[in-house]
C-alpha atoms as a PDB file:
ATOM      1  CA  GLN A   1      -2.388 -13.775  -1.365  1.00  0.00           C
ATOM      2  CA  VAL A   2      -2.236 -11.078   1.295  1.00  0.00           C
ATOM      3  CA  GLU A   3      -3.202  -7.496   0.587  1.00  0.00           C
ATOM      4  CA  LEU A   4      -1.666  -4.644   2.526  1.00  0.00           C
ATOM      5  CA  VAL A   5      -3.026  -1.111   2.341  1.00  0.00           C
ATOM      6  CA  GLU A   6      -1.103   1.799   3.799  1.00  0.00           C
ATOM      7  CA  SER A   7      -2.675   5.071   4.875  1.00  0.00           C
ATOM      8  CA  GLY A   8      -1.776   8.182   6.847  1.00  0.00           C
ATOM      9  CA  GLY A   9       1.007   9.575   4.752  1.00  0.00           C
ATOM     10  CA  GLY A  10       1.190  13.201   3.792  1.00  0.00           C
ATOM     11  CA  LEU A  11       3.040  16.420   4.468  1.00  0.00           C
ATOM     12  CA  ALA A  12       4.567  17.328   7.816  1.00  0.00           C
ATOM     13  CA  GLN A  13       6.905  20.023   9.027  1.00  0.00           C
ATOM     14  CA  ASP A  14      10.334  19.443  10.480  1.00  0.00           C
ATOM     15  CA  GLY A  15       9.746  18.299  14.065  1.00  0.00           C
ATOM     16  CA  GLY A  16       6.167  17.286  13.396  1.00  0.00           C
ATOM     17  CA  SER A  17       4.372  13.969  13.633  1.00  0.00           C
ATOM     18  CA  LEU A  18       2.480  11.564  11.405  1.00  0.00           C
ATOM     19  CA  ARG A  19       0.829   8.238  12.048  1.00  0.00           C
ATOM     20  CA  LEU A  20       0.805   5.525   9.385  1.00  0.00           C
ATOM     21  CA  THR A  21      -1.534   2.558   9.392  1.00  0.00           C
ATOM     22  CA  CYS A  22      -1.211  -0.702   7.497  1.00  0.00           C
ATOM     23  CA  ALA A  23      -4.366  -2.751   7.072  1.00  0.00           C
ATOM     24  CA  ALA A  24      -3.834  -6.393   6.178  1.00  0.00           C
ATOM     25  CA  SER A  25      -6.357  -8.726   4.553  1.00  0.00           C
ATOM     26  CA  VAL A  26      -5.515 -11.381   7.157  1.00  0.00           C
ATOM     27  CA  SER A  27      -5.232 -11.347  10.912  1.00  0.00           C
ATOM     28  CA  THR A  28      -1.877 -10.154  12.196  1.00  0.00           C
ATOM     29  CA  ARG A  29      -1.804 -13.379  14.198  1.00  0.00           C
ATOM     30  CA  GLN A  30      -1.083 -15.184  10.918  1.00  0.00           C
ATOM     31  CA  ILE A  31       1.873 -12.940  10.139  1.00  0.00           C
ATOM     32  CA  GLN A  32       5.353 -13.900  11.284  1.00  0.00           C
ATOM     33  CA  VAL A  33       6.878 -10.456  10.905  1.00  0.00           C
ATOM     34  CA  ILE A  34       5.198  -7.216   9.883  1.00  0.00           C
ATOM     35  CA  GLY A  35       6.813  -3.877   9.460  1.00  0.00           C
ATOM     36  CA  TRP A  36       7.560  -0.700   7.609  1.00  0.00           C
ATOM     37  CA  TYR A  37      10.231   0.063   5.045  1.00  0.00           C
ATOM     38  CA  ARG A  38      10.950   3.269   3.221  1.00  0.00           C
ATOM     39  CA  GLN A  39      12.501   4.239  -0.056  1.00  0.00           C
ATOM     40  CA  THR A  40      14.079   7.630  -0.487  1.00  0.00           C
ATOM     41  CA  PRO A  41      15.193   9.097  -3.814  1.00  0.00           C
ATOM     42  CA  GLY A  42      18.399   7.510  -5.036  1.00  0.00           C
ATOM     43  CA  LYS A  43      18.537   4.933  -2.255  1.00  0.00           C
ATOM     44  CA  GLN A  44      17.472   1.353  -1.809  1.00  0.00           C
ATOM     45  CA  ARG A  45      14.443   0.446   0.252  1.00  0.00           C
ATOM     46  CA  GLY A  46      15.467   0.140   3.887  1.00  0.00           C
ATOM     47  CA  VAL A  47      13.908  -1.033   7.120  1.00  0.00           C
ATOM     48  CA  VAL A  48      12.167   1.469   9.367  1.00  0.00           C
ATOM     49  CA  ALA A  49      10.578  -0.781  11.983  1.00  0.00           C
ATOM     50  CA  THR A  50       9.419  -4.369  12.292  1.00  0.00           C
ATOM     51  CA  ILE A  51       7.601  -6.380  14.878  1.00  0.00           C
ATOM     52  CA  ARG A  52       7.445 -10.135  15.252  1.00  0.00           C
ATOM     53  CA  ARG A  53       4.309 -11.997  16.214  1.00  0.00           C
ATOM     54  CA  ARG A  54       5.880 -12.917  19.534  1.00  0.00           C
ATOM     55  CA  GLY A  55       8.657 -10.483  20.069  1.00  0.00           C
ATOM     56  CA  GLN A  56       9.875  -7.000  20.614  1.00  0.00           C
ATOM     57  CA  PRO A  57       9.929  -4.393  17.891  1.00  0.00           C
ATOM     58  CA  ASP A  58      13.107  -3.579  16.007  1.00  0.00           C
ATOM     59  CA  TYR A  59      13.982  -0.190  14.569  1.00  0.00           C
ATOM     60  CA  GLY A  60      16.357   1.160  12.004  1.00  0.00           C
ATOM     61  CA  GLU A  61      19.135   3.244  13.521  1.00  0.00           C
ATOM     62  CA  ALA A  62      17.905   6.427  11.895  1.00  0.00           C
ATOM     63  CA  VAL A  63      14.510   6.305  13.604  1.00  0.00           C
ATOM     64  CA  LYS A  64      15.267   4.897  17.060  1.00  0.00           C
ATOM     65  CA  GLY A  65      13.740   7.001  19.783  1.00  0.00           C
ATOM     66  CA  ARG A  66      11.479   8.843  17.337  1.00  0.00           C
ATOM     67  CA  PHE A  67       9.264   6.188  15.721  1.00  0.00           C
ATOM     68  CA  SER A  68       7.135   3.548  17.367  1.00  0.00           C
ATOM     69  CA  ILE A  69       5.514   0.494  15.773  1.00  0.00           C
ATOM     70  CA  SER A  70       2.521  -1.201  17.318  1.00  0.00           C
ATOM     71  CA  VAL A  71      -0.234  -3.632  16.498  1.00  0.00           C
ATOM     72  CA  GLY A  72      -3.497  -1.736  16.232  1.00  0.00           C
ATOM     73  CA  ASN A  73      -6.680  -2.284  18.158  1.00  0.00           C
ATOM     74  CA  LEU A  74      -8.118  -3.999  15.116  1.00  0.00           C
ATOM     75  CA  ASP A  75      -6.776  -7.488  14.607  1.00  0.00           C
ATOM     76  CA  ASN A  76      -5.417  -6.723  11.159  1.00  0.00           C
ATOM     77  CA  THR A  77      -3.703  -3.361  11.532  1.00  0.00           C
ATOM     78  CA  VAL A  78      -0.229  -2.167  12.367  1.00  0.00           C
ATOM     79  CA  ASN A  79       0.602   1.430  13.137  1.00  0.00           C
ATOM     80  CA  LEU A  80       3.749   3.479  12.851  1.00  0.00           C
ATOM     81  CA  GLN A  81       3.824   6.596  15.008  1.00  0.00           C
ATOM     82  CA  MET A  82       6.425   8.989  13.683  1.00  0.00           C
ATOM     83  CA  ASN A  83       7.513  11.846  15.937  1.00  0.00           C
ATOM     84  CA  SER A  84      10.242  14.460  15.634  1.00  0.00           C
ATOM     85  CA  LEU A  85      10.177  14.088  11.882  1.00  0.00           C
ATOM     86  CA  LYS A  86      13.127  15.269   9.857  1.00  0.00           C
ATOM     87  CA  PRO A  87      13.414  16.182   6.175  1.00  0.00           C
ATOM     88  CA  GLU A  88      15.525  13.056   5.664  1.00  0.00           C
ATOM     89  CA  ASP A  89      12.508  10.964   6.672  1.00  0.00           C
ATOM     90  CA  THR A  90      10.909  11.929   3.374  1.00  0.00           C
ATOM     91  CA  GLY A  91      10.158   8.963   1.181  1.00  0.00           C
ATOM     92  CA  VAL A  92       7.648   6.315   0.240  1.00  0.00           C
ATOM     93  CA  TYR A  93       6.756   4.087   3.171  1.00  0.00           C
ATOM     94  CA  TYR A  94       5.819   0.485   2.446  1.00  0.00           C
ATOM     95  CA  CYS A  95       4.165  -2.061   4.661  1.00  0.00           C
ATOM     96  CA  ASN A  96       5.642  -5.564   4.517  1.00  0.00           C
ATOM     97  CA  ALA A  97       4.276  -8.817   5.887  1.00  0.00           C
ATOM     98  CA  GLN A  98       6.163 -12.087   6.061  1.00  0.00           C
ATOM     99  CA  LEU A  99       4.082 -15.233   6.337  1.00  0.00           C
ATOM    100  CA  VAL A 100       4.987 -18.883   6.193  1.00  0.00           C
ATOM    101  CA  TYR A 101       3.892 -19.009   2.576  1.00  0.00           C
ATOM    102  CA  GLY A 102       5.223 -15.734   1.272  1.00  0.00           C
ATOM    103  CA  ASP A 103       6.432 -12.188   1.557  1.00  0.00           C
ATOM    104  CA  PHE A 104       4.008  -9.376   0.691  1.00  0.00           C
ATOM    105  CA  TRP A 105       4.192  -5.623   0.104  1.00  0.00           C
ATOM    106  CA  GLY A 106       1.731  -2.785   0.047  1.00  0.00           C
ATOM    107  CA  ARG A 107       1.784  -0.100  -2.631  1.00  0.00           C
ATOM    108  CA  GLY A 108       3.260   2.508  -0.343  1.00  0.00           C
ATOM    109  CA  THR A 109       2.324   5.894   1.011  1.00  0.00           C
ATOM    110  CA  GLN A 110       4.268   9.111   0.494  1.00  0.00           C
ATOM    111  CA  VAL A 111       5.645  10.995   3.473  1.00  0.00           C
ATOM    112  CA  THR A 112       7.115  14.420   2.884  1.00  0.00           C
ATOM    113  CA  VAL A 113       8.788  16.418   5.638  1.00  0.00           C
ATOM    114  CA  SER A 114       9.487  20.055   4.883  1.00  0.00           C
ATOM    115  CA  SER A 115      12.269  22.022   6.518  1.00  0.00           C
END
């Protein structure tokens, strides 16, 4: 079992920035793919950004050029830097980790962007 804990969500203004952190209970070196997804009211959960253990990051079309995913300085953290936030970025952001033996989710953190 892998535990993922998200932090850093909150309220931001249109054009502002937030930084999310996902802390995993295992080293990120054990994780095949780790990333962020978000769920907005009335919509299905969709990909924001992912990064493979040995690869380049991938981004959802809506956030390209504004968000950046990176492995943190600690061996078990992944960060999501969100710049130029828009009201449509509002939602619950979930951390996801895919390992050889399973797929795991955090409980999510709320991000609200006011216009």
